Amino acid sequence: MKELIKKCHMNSANKGFWEDVRAIEVLYQNCIIDKKFKESMINNAIATRLALIQSEVSEALEELRKGDMENFKEELADICIRIFDLSGGLKIDLEEKILEKMKKNESRGYKHGKKF
């Protein structure tokens, strides 16, 4: 998983999808923006990436609604690619976090106590 995350992030960065974060870092390093503003701008960049993940989920839903399972599978891959890219860019050990969350979920009740 770590290798996939690295590859997804490197490809995304090489294709220009992390230029905004690089620019924010340069502004901060050159004392043009302060730490608080940098954090705010980084959070906006993360929010943009979350919206892109959400758009891939919507595309998967539409393919499912059309009954196109091949494109549905491709959209699931796109979701993972975007999540892996974000995790790589933020240096999150996603594998560790997934394993931790799976362990936590094992102790939860049926449907986590919800109706659906």
PDB file of N, CA and C in Angstrom:
ATOM      1  N   MET A   1       0.819  -1.188   0.000  1.00  0.00           N
ATOM      2  CA  MET A   1       0.000   0.000   0.000  1.00  0.00           C
ATOM      3  C   MET A   1       0.872   1.265   0.000  1.00  0.00           C
ATOM      4  N   LYS A   2       1.931   1.237   0.784  1.00  0.00           N
ATOM      5  CA  LYS A   2       2.805   2.412   0.851  1.00  0.00           C
ATOM      6  C   LYS A   2       3.376   2.762  -0.526  1.00  0.00           C
ATOM      7  N   GLU A   3       3.706   1.744  -1.302  1.00  0.00           N
ATOM      8  CA  GLU A   3       4.259   1.979  -2.647  1.00  0.00           C
ATOM      9  C   GLU A   3       3.195   2.574  -3.575  1.00  0.00           C
ATOM     10  N   LEU A   4       1.966   2.084  -3.487  1.00  0.00           N
ATOM     11  CA  LEU A   4       0.876   2.643  -4.298  1.00  0.00           C
ATOM     12  C   LEU A   4       0.625   4.099  -3.933  1.00  0.00           C
ATOM     13  N   ILE A   5       0.629   4.387  -2.640  1.00  0.00           N
ATOM     14  CA  ILE A   5       0.424   5.767  -2.181  1.00  0.00           C
ATOM     15  C   ILE A   5       1.522   6.667  -2.735  1.00  0.00           C
ATOM     16  N   LYS A   6       2.753   6.204  -2.645  1.00  0.00           N
ATOM     17  CA  LYS A   6       3.887   6.982  -3.159  1.00  0.00           C
ATOM     18  C   LYS A   6       3.739   7.230  -4.659  1.00  0.00           C
ATOM     19  N   LYS A   7       3.395   6.181  -5.412  1.00  0.00           N
ATOM     20  CA  LYS A   7       3.239   6.320  -6.864  1.00  0.00           C
ATOM     21  C   LYS A   7       2.096   7.264  -7.217  1.00  0.00           C
ATOM     22  N   CYS A   8       0.961   7.121  -6.530  1.00  0.00           N
ATOM     23  CA  CYS A   8      -0.183   7.997  -6.809  1.00  0.00           C
ATOM     24  C   CYS A   8       0.162   9.452  -6.539  1.00  0.00           C
ATOM     25  N   HIS A   9       0.829   9.697  -5.417  1.00  0.00           N
ATOM     26  CA  HIS A   9       1.176  11.070  -5.077  1.00  0.00           C
ATOM     27  C   HIS A   9       2.221  11.645  -6.033  1.00  0.00           C
ATOM     28  N   MET A  10       3.234  10.869  -6.351  1.00  0.00           N
ATOM     29  CA  MET A  10       4.276  11.364  -7.253  1.00  0.00           C
ATOM     30  C   MET A  10       3.688  11.694  -8.628  1.00  0.00           C
ATOM     31  N   ASN A  11       2.811  10.842  -9.137  1.00  0.00           N
ATOM     32  CA  ASN A  11       2.195  11.107 -10.432  1.00  0.00           C
ATOM     33  C   ASN A  11       1.369  12.388 -10.384  1.00  0.00           C
ATOM     34  N   SER A  12       0.602  12.540  -9.327  1.00  0.00           N
ATOM     35  CA  SER A  12      -0.220  13.737  -9.180  1.00  0.00           C
ATOM     36  C   SER A  12       0.638  14.997  -9.076  1.00  0.00           C
ATOM     37  N   ALA A  13       1.675  14.921  -8.275  1.00  0.00           N
ATOM     38  CA  ALA A  13       2.576  16.072  -8.122  1.00  0.00           C
ATOM     39  C   ALA A  13       3.260  16.397  -9.440  1.00  0.00           C
ATOM     40  N   ASN A  14       3.695  15.370 -10.154  1.00  0.00           N
ATOM     41  CA  ASN A  14       4.359  15.585 -11.450  1.00  0.00           C
ATOM     42  C   ASN A  14       3.420  16.173 -12.492  1.00  0.00           C
ATOM     43  N   LYS A  15       2.124  15.949 -12.339  1.00  0.00           N
ATOM     44  CA  LYS A  15       1.135  16.477 -13.280  1.00  0.00           C
ATOM     45  C   LYS A  15       0.602  17.841 -12.846  1.00  0.00           C
ATOM     46  N   GLY A  16       1.169  18.417 -11.783  1.00  0.00           N
ATOM     47  CA  GLY A  16       0.850  19.784 -11.383  1.00  0.00           C
ATOM     48  C   GLY A  16      -0.244  19.938 -10.345  1.00  0.00           C
ATOM     49  N   PHE A  17      -0.738  18.838  -9.808  1.00  0.00           N
ATOM     50  CA  PHE A  17      -1.854  18.941  -8.877  1.00  0.00           C
ATOM     51  C   PHE A  17      -1.465  19.407  -7.475  1.00  0.00           C
ATOM     52  N   TRP A  18      -0.182  19.592  -7.215  1.00  0.00           N
ATOM     53  CA  TRP A  18       0.267  20.072  -5.905  1.00  0.00           C
ATOM     54  C   TRP A  18       0.976  21.418  -6.002  1.00  0.00           C
ATOM     55  N   GLU A  19       0.828  22.111  -7.138  1.00  0.00           N
ATOM     56  CA  GLU A  19       1.458  23.424  -7.294  1.00  0.00           C
ATOM     57  C   GLU A  19       0.942  24.427  -6.275  1.00  0.00           C
ATOM     58  N   ASP A  20      -0.333  24.335  -5.918  1.00  0.00           N
ATOM     59  CA  ASP A  20      -0.890  25.265  -4.939  1.00  0.00           C
ATOM     60  C   ASP A  20      -0.207  25.120  -3.582  1.00  0.00           C
ATOM     61  N   VAL A  21       0.004  23.902  -3.149  1.00  0.00           N
ATOM     62  CA  VAL A  21       0.643  23.670  -1.854  1.00  0.00           C
ATOM     63  C   VAL A  21       2.105  24.126  -1.898  1.00  0.00           C
ATOM     64  N   ARG A  22       2.777  23.841  -2.999  1.00  0.00           N
ATOM     65  CA  ARG A  22       4.170  24.313  -3.140  1.00  0.00           C
ATOM     66  C   ARG A  22       4.238  25.839  -3.073  1.00  0.00           C
ATOM     67  N   ALA A  23       3.298  26.504  -3.737  1.00  0.00           N
ATOM     68  CA  ALA A  23       3.281  27.971  -3.732  1.00  0.00           C
ATOM     69  C   ALA A  23       3.026  28.506  -2.326  1.00  0.00           C
ATOM     70  N   ILE A  24       2.135  27.866  -1.592  1.00  0.00           N
ATOM     71  CA  ILE A  24       1.859  28.275  -0.219  1.00  0.00           C
ATOM     72  C   ILE A  24       3.117  28.137   0.628  1.00  0.00           C
ATOM     73  N   GLU A  25       3.839  27.037   0.464  1.00  0.00           N
ATOM     74  CA  GLU A  25       5.087  26.826   1.219  1.00  0.00           C
ATOM     75  C   GLU A  25       6.112  27.905   0.898  1.00  0.00           C
ATOM     76  N   VAL A  26       6.232  28.270  -0.368  1.00  0.00           N
ATOM     77  CA  VAL A  26       7.181  29.315  -0.774  1.00  0.00           C
ATOM     78  C   VAL A  26       6.795  30.656  -0.145  1.00  0.00           C
ATOM     79  N   LEU A  27       5.512  30.978  -0.173  1.00  0.00           N
ATOM     80  CA  LEU A  27       5.056  32.231   0.434  1.00  0.00           C
ATOM     81  C   LEU A  27       5.382  32.277   1.924  1.00  0.00           C
ATOM     82  N   TYR A  28       5.188  31.146   2.583  1.00  0.00           N
ATOM     83  CA  TYR A  28       5.479  31.075   4.013  1.00  0.00           C
ATOM     84  C   TYR A  28       6.982  31.175   4.277  1.00  0.00           C
ATOM     85  N   GLN A  29       7.776  30.442   3.508  1.00  0.00           N
ATOM     86  CA  GLN A  29       9.234  30.456   3.697  1.00  0.00           C
ATOM     87  C   GLN A  29       9.820  31.835   3.445  1.00  0.00           C
ATOM     88  N   ASN A  30       9.204  32.601   2.554  1.00  0.00           N
ATOM     89  CA  ASN A  30       9.690  33.952   2.236  1.00  0.00           C
ATOM     90  C   ASN A  30       9.030  35.020   3.114  1.00  0.00           C
ATOM     91  N   CYS A  31       8.353  34.572   4.178  1.00  0.00           N
ATOM     92  CA  CYS A  31       7.726  35.468   5.160  1.00  0.00           C
ATOM     93  C   CYS A  31       6.688  36.397   4.537  1.00  0.00           C
ATOM     94  N   ILE A  32       6.044  35.967   3.464  1.00  0.00           N
ATOM     95  CA  ILE A  32       4.998  36.764   2.830  1.00  0.00           C
ATOM     96  C   ILE A  32       3.657  36.510   3.516  1.00  0.00           C
ATOM     97  N   ILE A  33       3.489  35.310   4.045  1.00  0.00           N
ATOM     98  CA  ILE A  33       2.292  34.985   4.820  1.00  0.00           C
ATOM     99  C   ILE A  33       2.726  34.415   6.163  1.00  0.00           C
ATOM    100  N   ASP A  34       1.855  34.591   7.166  1.00  0.00           N
ATOM    101  CA  ASP A  34       2.183  34.052   8.487  1.00  0.00           C
ATOM    102  C   ASP A  34       1.666  32.619   8.626  1.00  0.00           C
ATOM    103  N   LYS A  35       2.004  32.001   9.739  1.00  0.00           N
ATOM    104  CA  LYS A  35       1.674  30.589   9.967  1.00  0.00           C
ATOM    105  C   LYS A  35       0.167  30.350   9.939  1.00  0.00           C
ATOM    106  N   LYS A  36      -0.589  31.236  10.548  1.00  0.00           N
ATOM    107  CA  LYS A  36      -2.044  31.064  10.605  1.00  0.00           C
ATOM    108  C   LYS A  36      -2.656  31.113   9.204  1.00  0.00           C
ATOM    109  N   PHE A  37      -2.220  32.051   8.395  1.00  0.00           N
ATOM    110  CA  PHE A  37      -2.740  32.160   7.027  1.00  0.00           C
ATOM    111  C   PHE A  37      -2.300  30.960   6.194  1.00  0.00           C
ATOM    112  N   LYS A  38      -1.055  30.503   6.405  1.00  0.00           N
ATOM    113  CA  LYS A  38      -0.562  29.312   5.709  1.00  0.00           C
ATOM    114  C   LYS A  38      -1.456  28.118   6.019  1.00  0.00           C
ATOM    115  N   GLU A  39      -1.754  27.915   7.296  1.00  0.00           N
ATOM    116  CA  GLU A  39      -2.604  26.792   7.704  1.00  0.00           C
ATOM    117  C   GLU A  39      -3.982  26.877   7.071  1.00  0.00           C
ATOM    118  N   SER A  40      -4.522  28.079   7.014  1.00  0.00           N
ATOM    119  CA  SER A  40      -5.832  28.291   6.386  1.00  0.00           C
ATOM    120  C   SER A  40      -5.789  27.948   4.899  1.00  0.00           C
ATOM    121  N   MET A  41      -4.739  28.386   4.232  1.00  0.00           N
ATOM    122  CA  MET A  41      -4.607  28.106   2.800  1.00  0.00           C
ATOM    123  C   MET A  41      -4.396  26.601   2.548  1.00  0.00           C
ATOM    124  N   ILE A  42      -3.614  25.960   3.398  1.00  0.00           N
ATOM    125  CA  ILE A  42      -3.401  24.506   3.273  1.00  0.00           C
ATOM    126  C   ILE A  42      -4.729  23.773   3.467  1.00  0.00           C
ATOM    127  N   ASN A  43      -5.509  24.194   4.461  1.00  0.00           N
ATOM    128  CA  ASN A  43      -6.811  23.568   4.685  1.00  0.00           C
ATOM    129  C   ASN A  43      -7.726  23.730   3.470  1.00  0.00           C
ATOM    130  N   ASN A  44      -7.656  24.865   2.812  1.00  0.00           N
ATOM    131  CA  ASN A  44      -8.445  25.064   1.589  1.00  0.00           C
ATOM    132  C   ASN A  44      -7.963  24.126   0.481  1.00  0.00           C
ATOM    133  N   ALA A  45      -6.663  23.923   0.399  1.00  0.00           N
ATOM    134  CA  ALA A  45      -6.121  22.997  -0.603  1.00  0.00           C
ATOM    135  C   ALA A  45      -6.570  21.564  -0.305  1.00  0.00           C
ATOM    136  N   ILE A  46      -6.579  21.197   0.966  1.00  0.00           N
ATOM    137  CA  ILE A  46      -7.062  19.869   1.351  1.00  0.00           C
ATOM    138  C   ILE A  46      -8.548  19.741   1.018  1.00  0.00           C
ATOM    139  N   ALA A  47      -9.308  20.778   1.307  1.00  0.00           N
ATOM    140  CA  ALA A  47     -10.746  20.765   1.010  1.00  0.00           C
ATOM    141  C   ALA A  47     -10.995  20.566  -0.489  1.00  0.00           C
ATOM    142  N   THR A  48     -10.180  21.184  -1.315  1.00  0.00           N
ATOM    143  CA  THR A  48     -10.300  21.005  -2.757  1.00  0.00           C
ATOM    144  C   THR A  48     -10.079  19.546  -3.124  1.00  0.00           C
ATOM    145  N   ARG A  49      -9.089  18.921  -2.519  1.00  0.00           N
ATOM    146  CA  ARG A  49      -8.813  17.508  -2.814  1.00  0.00           C
ATOM    147  C   ARG A  49      -9.946  16.602  -2.318  1.00  0.00           C
ATOM    148  N   LEU A  50     -10.526  16.948  -1.175  1.00  0.00           N
ATOM    149  CA  LEU A  50     -11.681  16.178  -0.693  1.00  0.00           C
ATOM    150  C   LEU A  50     -12.864  16.310  -1.652  1.00  0.00           C
ATOM    151  N   ALA A  51     -13.045  17.503  -2.215  1.00  0.00           N
ATOM    152  CA  ALA A  51     -14.116  17.696  -3.196  1.00  0.00           C
ATOM    153  C   ALA A  51     -13.857  16.856  -4.446  1.00  0.00           C
ATOM    154  N   LEU A  52     -12.602  16.728  -4.835  1.00  0.00           N
ATOM    155  CA  LEU A  52     -12.276  15.884  -5.991  1.00  0.00           C
ATOM    156  C   LEU A  52     -12.549  14.414  -5.690  1.00  0.00           C
ATOM    157  N   ILE A  53     -12.271  13.986  -4.463  1.00  0.00           N
ATOM    158  CA  ILE A  53     -12.605  12.613  -4.067  1.00  0.00           C
ATOM    159  C   ILE A  53     -14.118  12.429  -4.139  1.00  0.00           C
ATOM    160  N   GLN A  54     -14.838  13.403  -3.622  1.00  0.00           N
ATOM    161  CA  GLN A  54     -16.301  13.339  -3.643  1.00  0.00           C
ATOM    162  C   GLN A  54     -16.828  13.287  -5.075  1.00  0.00           C
ATOM    163  N   SER A  55     -16.194  14.012  -5.977  1.00  0.00           N
ATOM    164  CA  SER A  55     -16.645  13.985  -7.375  1.00  0.00           C
ATOM    165  C   SER A  55     -16.431  12.602  -7.981  1.00  0.00           C
ATOM    166  N   GLU A  56     -15.351  11.929  -7.601  1.00  0.00           N
ATOM    167  CA  GLU A  56     -15.115  10.569  -8.090  1.00  0.00           C
ATOM    168  C   GLU A  56     -16.168   9.602  -7.534  1.00  0.00           C
ATOM    169  N   VAL A  57     -16.568   9.804  -6.270  1.00  0.00           N
ATOM    170  CA  VAL A  57     -17.623   8.974  -5.679  1.00  0.00           C
ATOM    171  C   VAL A  57     -18.925   9.186  -6.441  1.00  0.00           C
ATOM    172  N   SER A  58     -19.235  10.438  -6.776  1.00  0.00           N
ATOM    173  CA  SER A  58     -20.446  10.728  -7.548  1.00  0.00           C
ATOM    174  C   SER A  58     -20.401  10.082  -8.921  1.00  0.00           C
ATOM    175  N   GLU A  59     -19.223  10.109  -9.554  1.00  0.00           N
ATOM    176  CA  GLU A  59     -19.084   9.467 -10.860  1.00  0.00           C
ATOM    177  C   GLU A  59     -19.291   7.957 -10.743  1.00  0.00           C
ATOM    178  N   ALA A  60     -18.790   7.346  -9.667  1.00  0.00           N
ATOM    179  CA  ALA A  60     -18.999   5.908  -9.456  1.00  0.00           C
ATOM    180  C   ALA A  60     -20.486   5.616  -9.290  1.00  0.00           C
ATOM    181  N   LEU A  61     -21.167   6.445  -8.547  1.00  0.00           N
ATOM    182  CA  LEU A  61     -22.603   6.268  -8.354  1.00  0.00           C
ATOM    183  C   LEU A  61     -23.344   6.337  -9.684  1.00  0.00           C
ATOM    184  N   GLU A  62     -22.996   7.283 -10.516  1.00  0.00           N
ATOM    185  CA  GLU A  62     -23.667   7.411 -11.821  1.00  0.00           C
ATOM    186  C   GLU A  62     -23.417   6.196 -12.701  1.00  0.00           C
ATOM    187  N   GLU A  63     -22.208   5.670 -12.673  1.00  0.00           N
ATOM    188  CA  GLU A  63     -21.917   4.464 -13.470  1.00  0.00           C
ATOM    189  C   GLU A  63     -22.722   3.275 -12.948  1.00  0.00           C
ATOM    190  N   LEU A  64     -22.860   3.178 -11.643  1.00  0.00           N
ATOM    191  CA  LEU A  64     -23.673   2.118 -11.054  1.00  0.00           C
ATOM    192  C   LEU A  64     -25.135   2.278 -11.469  1.00  0.00           C
ATOM    193  N   ARG A  65     -25.628   3.512 -11.439  1.00  0.00           N
ATOM    194  CA  ARG A  65     -27.013   3.777 -11.838  1.00  0.00           C
ATOM    195  C   ARG A  65     -27.261   3.412 -13.295  1.00  0.00           C
ATOM    196  N   LYS A  66     -26.225   3.587 -14.132  1.00  0.00           N
ATOM    197  CA  LYS A  66     -26.338   3.228 -15.552  1.00  0.00           C
ATOM    198  C   LYS A  66     -26.150   1.731 -15.779  1.00  0.00           C
ATOM    199  N   GLY A  67     -25.686   1.042 -14.753  1.00  0.00           N
ATOM    200  CA  GLY A  67     -25.421  -0.383 -14.896  1.00  0.00           C
ATOM    201  C   GLY A  67     -24.112  -0.698 -15.594  1.00  0.00           C
ATOM    202  N   ASP A  68     -23.220   0.277 -15.668  1.00  0.00           N
ATOM    203  CA  ASP A  68     -21.932   0.101 -16.338  1.00  0.00           C
ATOM    204  C   ASP A  68     -20.881  -0.298 -15.307  1.00  0.00           C
ATOM    205  N   MET A  69     -20.756  -1.587 -15.061  1.00  0.00           N
ATOM    206  CA  MET A  69     -19.859  -2.068 -14.012  1.00  0.00           C
ATOM    207  C   MET A  69     -18.386  -1.849 -14.342  1.00  0.00           C
ATOM    208  N   GLU A  70     -18.016  -1.876 -15.613  1.00  0.00           N
ATOM    209  CA  GLU A  70     -16.606  -1.629 -15.958  1.00  0.00           C
ATOM    210  C   GLU A  70     -16.205  -0.206 -15.601  1.00  0.00           C
ATOM    211  N   ASN A  71     -17.028   0.774 -15.970  1.00  0.00           N
ATOM    212  CA  ASN A  71     -16.705   2.156 -15.611  1.00  0.00           C
ATOM    213  C   ASN A  71     -16.858   2.394 -14.113  1.00  0.00           C
ATOM    214  N   PHE A  72     -17.787   1.690 -13.474  1.00  0.00           N
ATOM    215  CA  PHE A  72     -17.926   1.761 -12.018  1.00  0.00           C
ATOM    216  C   PHE A  72     -16.620   1.344 -11.340  1.00  0.00           C
ATOM    217  N   LYS A  73     -16.036   0.253 -11.799  1.00  0.00           N
ATOM    218  CA  LYS A  73     -14.770  -0.225 -11.245  1.00  0.00           C
ATOM    219  C   LYS A  73     -13.655   0.800 -11.453  1.00  0.00           C
ATOM    220  N   GLU A  74     -13.652   1.417 -12.625  1.00  0.00           N
ATOM    221  CA  GLU A  74     -12.639   2.439 -12.910  1.00  0.00           C
ATOM    222  C   GLU A  74     -12.792   3.632 -11.973  1.00  0.00           C
ATOM    223  N   GLU A  75     -14.029   4.015 -11.709  1.00  0.00           N
ATOM    224  CA  GLU A  75     -14.261   5.135 -10.800  1.00  0.00           C
ATOM    225  C   GLU A  75     -13.844   4.784  -9.370  1.00  0.00           C
ATOM    226  N   LEU A  76     -14.059   3.520  -8.960  1.00  0.00           N
ATOM    227  CA  LEU A  76     -13.565   3.102  -7.645  1.00  0.00           C
ATOM    228  C   LEU A  76     -12.048   3.245  -7.579  1.00  0.00           C
ATOM    229  N   ALA A  77     -11.379   2.891  -8.659  1.00  0.00           N
ATOM    230  CA  ALA A  77      -9.921   3.063  -8.713  1.00  0.00           C
ATOM    231  C   ALA A  77      -9.557   4.545  -8.604  1.00  0.00           C
ATOM    232  N   ASP A  78     -10.318   5.407  -9.296  1.00  0.00           N
ATOM    233  CA  ASP A  78     -10.064   6.853  -9.208  1.00  0.00           C
ATOM    234  C   ASP A  78     -10.209   7.361  -7.777  1.00  0.00           C
ATOM    235  N   ILE A  79     -11.211   6.848  -7.060  1.00  0.00           N
ATOM    236  CA  ILE A  79     -11.405   7.242  -5.660  1.00  0.00           C
ATOM    237  C   ILE A  79     -10.156   6.896  -4.851  1.00  0.00           C
ATOM    238  N   CYS A  80      -9.688   5.672  -5.010  1.00  0.00           N
ATOM    239  CA  CYS A  80      -8.492   5.235  -4.271  1.00  0.00           C
ATOM    240  C   CYS A  80      -7.274   6.062  -4.658  1.00  0.00           C
ATOM    241  N   ILE A  81      -7.109   6.324  -5.938  1.00  0.00           N
ATOM    242  CA  ILE A  81      -5.962   7.116  -6.402  1.00  0.00           C
ATOM    243  C   ILE A  81      -5.965   8.487  -5.750  1.00  0.00           C
ATOM    244  N   ARG A  82      -7.116   9.125  -5.724  1.00  0.00           N
ATOM    245  CA  ARG A  82      -7.188  10.462  -5.119  1.00  0.00           C
ATOM    246  C   ARG A  82      -6.945  10.407  -3.610  1.00  0.00           C
ATOM    247  N   ILE A  83      -7.478   9.381  -2.942  1.00  0.00           N
ATOM    248  CA  ILE A  83      -7.241   9.238  -1.502  1.00  0.00           C
ATOM    249  C   ILE A  83      -5.767   8.951  -1.235  1.00  0.00           C
ATOM    250  N   PHE A  84      -5.175   8.077  -2.039  1.00  0.00           N
ATOM    251  CA  PHE A  84      -3.754   7.767  -1.871  1.00  0.00           C
ATOM    252  C   PHE A  84      -2.900   9.011  -2.121  1.00  0.00           C
ATOM    253  N   ASP A  85      -3.262   9.786  -3.122  1.00  0.00           N
ATOM    254  CA  ASP A  85      -2.526  11.011  -3.416  1.00  0.00           C
ATOM    255  C   ASP A  85      -2.579  11.962  -2.228  1.00  0.00           C
ATOM    256  N   LEU A  86      -3.767  12.182  -1.693  1.00  0.00           N
ATOM    257  CA  LEU A  86      -3.910  13.087  -0.558  1.00  0.00           C
ATOM    258  C   LEU A  86      -3.120  12.572   0.647  1.00  0.00           C
ATOM    259  N   SER A  87      -3.234  11.288   0.912  1.00  0.00           N
ATOM    260  CA  SER A  87      -2.489  10.690   2.026  1.00  0.00           C
ATOM    261  C   SER A  87      -0.989  10.860   1.844  1.00  0.00           C
ATOM    262  N   GLY A  88      -0.518  10.621   0.626  1.00  0.00           N
ATOM    263  CA  GLY A  88       0.907  10.785   0.342  1.00  0.00           C
ATOM    264  C   GLY A  88       1.356  12.224   0.489  1.00  0.00           C
ATOM    265  N   GLY A  89       0.547  13.137  -0.021  1.00  0.00           N
ATOM    266  CA  GLY A  89       0.890  14.553   0.064  1.00  0.00           C
ATOM    267  C   GLY A  89       0.932  15.074   1.487  1.00  0.00           C
ATOM    268  N   LEU A  90       0.094  14.499   2.347  1.00  0.00           N
ATOM    269  CA  LEU A  90       0.048  14.930   3.746  1.00  0.00           C
ATOM    270  C   LEU A  90       0.903  14.049   4.655  1.00  0.00           C
ATOM    271  N   LYS A  91       1.597  13.092   4.040  1.00  0.00           N
ATOM    272  CA  LYS A  91       2.485  12.174   4.768  1.00  0.00           C
ATOM    273  C   LYS A  91       1.734  11.409   5.873  1.00  0.00           C
ATOM    274  N   ILE A  92       0.542  10.951   5.511  1.00  0.00           N
ATOM    275  CA  ILE A  92      -0.274  10.142   6.417  1.00  0.00           C
ATOM    276  C   ILE A  92       0.020   8.680   6.123  1.00  0.00           C
ATOM    277  N   ASP A  93       0.306   7.908   7.168  1.00  0.00           N
ATOM    278  CA  ASP A  93       0.492   6.471   7.005  1.00  0.00           C
ATOM    279  C   ASP A  93      -0.900   5.847   6.946  1.00  0.00           C
ATOM    280  N   LEU A  94      -1.468   5.824   5.760  1.00  0.00           N
ATOM    281  CA  LEU A  94      -2.843   5.379   5.575  1.00  0.00           C
ATOM    282  C   LEU A  94      -3.020   3.911   5.942  1.00  0.00           C
ATOM    283  N   GLU A  95      -2.032   3.101   5.615  1.00  0.00           N
ATOM    284  CA  GLU A  95      -2.119   1.686   5.958  1.00  0.00           C
ATOM    285  C   GLU A  95      -2.278   1.521   7.474  1.00  0.00           C
ATOM    286  N   GLU A  96      -1.476   2.218   8.235  1.00  0.00           N
ATOM    287  CA  GLU A  96      -1.554   2.156   9.697  1.00  0.00           C
ATOM    288  C   GLU A  96      -2.922   2.624  10.180  1.00  0.00           C
ATOM    289  N   LYS A  97      -3.414   3.717   9.622  1.00  0.00           N
ATOM    290  CA  LYS A  97      -4.703   4.271  10.041  1.00  0.00           C
ATOM    291  C   LYS A  97      -5.857   3.332   9.685  1.00  0.00           C
ATOM    292  N   ILE A  98      -5.774   2.677   8.534  1.00  0.00           N
ATOM    293  CA  ILE A  98      -6.813   1.715   8.150  1.00  0.00           C
ATOM    294  C   ILE A  98      -6.823   0.542   9.108  1.00  0.00           C
ATOM    295  N   LEU A  99      -5.660   0.022   9.422  1.00  0.00           N
ATOM    296  CA  LEU A  99      -5.578  -1.109  10.348  1.00  0.00           C
ATOM    297  C   LEU A  99      -6.110  -0.725  11.735  1.00  0.00           C
ATOM    298  N   GLU A 100      -5.772   0.477  12.210  1.00  0.00           N
ATOM    299  CA  GLU A 100      -6.279   0.954  13.493  1.00  0.00           C
ATOM    300  C   GLU A 100      -7.801   1.053  13.473  1.00  0.00           C
ATOM    301  N   LYS A 101      -8.337   1.614  12.393  1.00  0.00           N
ATOM    302  CA  LYS A 101      -9.781   1.801  12.286  1.00  0.00           C
ATOM    303  C   LYS A 101     -10.507   0.466  12.157  1.00  0.00           C
ATOM    304  N   MET A 102      -9.931  -0.485  11.424  1.00  0.00           N
ATOM    305  CA  MET A 102     -10.535  -1.806  11.299  1.00  0.00           C
ATOM    306  C   MET A 102     -10.622  -2.479  12.670  1.00  0.00           C
ATOM    307  N   LYS A 103      -9.574  -2.349  13.466  1.00  0.00           N
ATOM    308  CA  LYS A 103      -9.574  -2.932  14.811  1.00  0.00           C
ATOM    309  C   LYS A 103     -10.667  -2.283  15.661  1.00  0.00           C
ATOM    310  N   LYS A 104     -10.776  -0.980  15.580  1.00  0.00           N
ATOM    311  CA  LYS A 104     -11.813  -0.253  16.321  1.00  0.00           C
ATOM    312  C   LYS A 104     -13.209  -0.718  15.872  1.00  0.00           C
ATOM    313  N   ASN A 105     -13.398  -0.878  14.568  1.00  0.00           N
ATOM    314  CA  ASN A 105     -14.698  -1.284  14.040  1.00  0.00           C
ATOM    315  C   ASN A 105     -15.082  -2.697  14.461  1.00  0.00           C
ATOM    316  N   GLU A 106     -14.081  -3.557  14.700  1.00  0.00           N
ATOM    317  CA  GLU A 106     -14.361  -4.923  15.125  1.00  0.00           C
ATOM    318  C   GLU A 106     -15.138  -4.958  16.442  1.00  0.00           C
ATOM    319  N   SER A 107     -14.932  -3.989  17.298  1.00  0.00           N
ATOM    320  CA  SER A 107     -15.583  -3.973  18.608  1.00  0.00           C
ATOM    321  C   SER A 107     -16.960  -3.300  18.577  1.00  0.00           C
ATOM    322  N   ARG A 108     -17.333  -2.746  17.447  1.00  0.00           N
ATOM    323  CA  ARG A 108     -18.626  -2.061  17.355  1.00  0.00           C
ATOM    324  C   ARG A 108     -19.751  -3.053  17.104  1.00  0.00           C
ATOM    325  N   GLY A 109     -20.936  -2.633  17.483  1.00  0.00           N
ATOM    326  CA  GLY A 109     -22.115  -3.472  17.292  1.00  0.00           C
ATOM    327  C   GLY A 109     -22.566  -3.540  15.849  1.00  0.00           C
ATOM    328  N   TYR A 110     -23.593  -4.321  15.636  1.00  0.00           N
ATOM    329  CA  TYR A 110     -24.174  -4.498  14.303  1.00  0.00           C
ATOM    330  C   TYR A 110     -24.588  -3.145  13.738  1.00  0.00           C
ATOM    331  N   LYS A 111     -24.126  -2.844  12.557  1.00  0.00           N
ATOM    332  CA  LYS A 111     -24.347  -1.563  11.868  1.00  0.00           C
ATOM    333  C   LYS A 111     -23.987  -0.372  12.778  1.00  0.00           C
ATOM    334  N   HIS A 112     -23.069  -0.639  13.689  1.00  0.00           N
ATOM    335  CA  HIS A 112     -22.570   0.379  14.624  1.00  0.00           C
ATOM    336  C   HIS A 112     -23.713   1.004  15.411  1.00  0.00           C
ATOM    337  N   GLY A 113     -24.782   0.202  15.648  1.00  0.00           N
ATOM    338  CA  GLY A 113     -25.912   0.679  16.441  1.00  0.00           C
ATOM    339  C   GLY A 113     -26.894   1.546  15.678  1.00  0.00           C
ATOM    340  N   LYS A 114     -26.702   1.671  14.369  1.00  0.00           N
ATOM    341  CA  LYS A 114     -27.586   2.505  13.546  1.00  0.00           C
ATOM    342  C   LYS A 114     -28.567   1.619  12.779  1.00  0.00           C
ATOM    343  N   LYS A 115     -29.606   2.212  12.198  1.00  0.00           N
ATOM    344  CA  LYS A 115     -30.585   1.456  11.417  1.00  0.00           C
ATOM    345  C   LYS A 115     -30.047   1.088  10.036  1.00  0.00           C
ATOM    346  N   PHE A 116     -29.210   1.945   9.482  1.00  0.00           N
ATOM    347  CA  PHE A 116     -28.609   1.661   8.167  1.00  0.00           C
ATOM    348  C   PHE A 116     -27.301   2.369   8.029  1.00  0.00           C
TER     349      PHE A 116
END
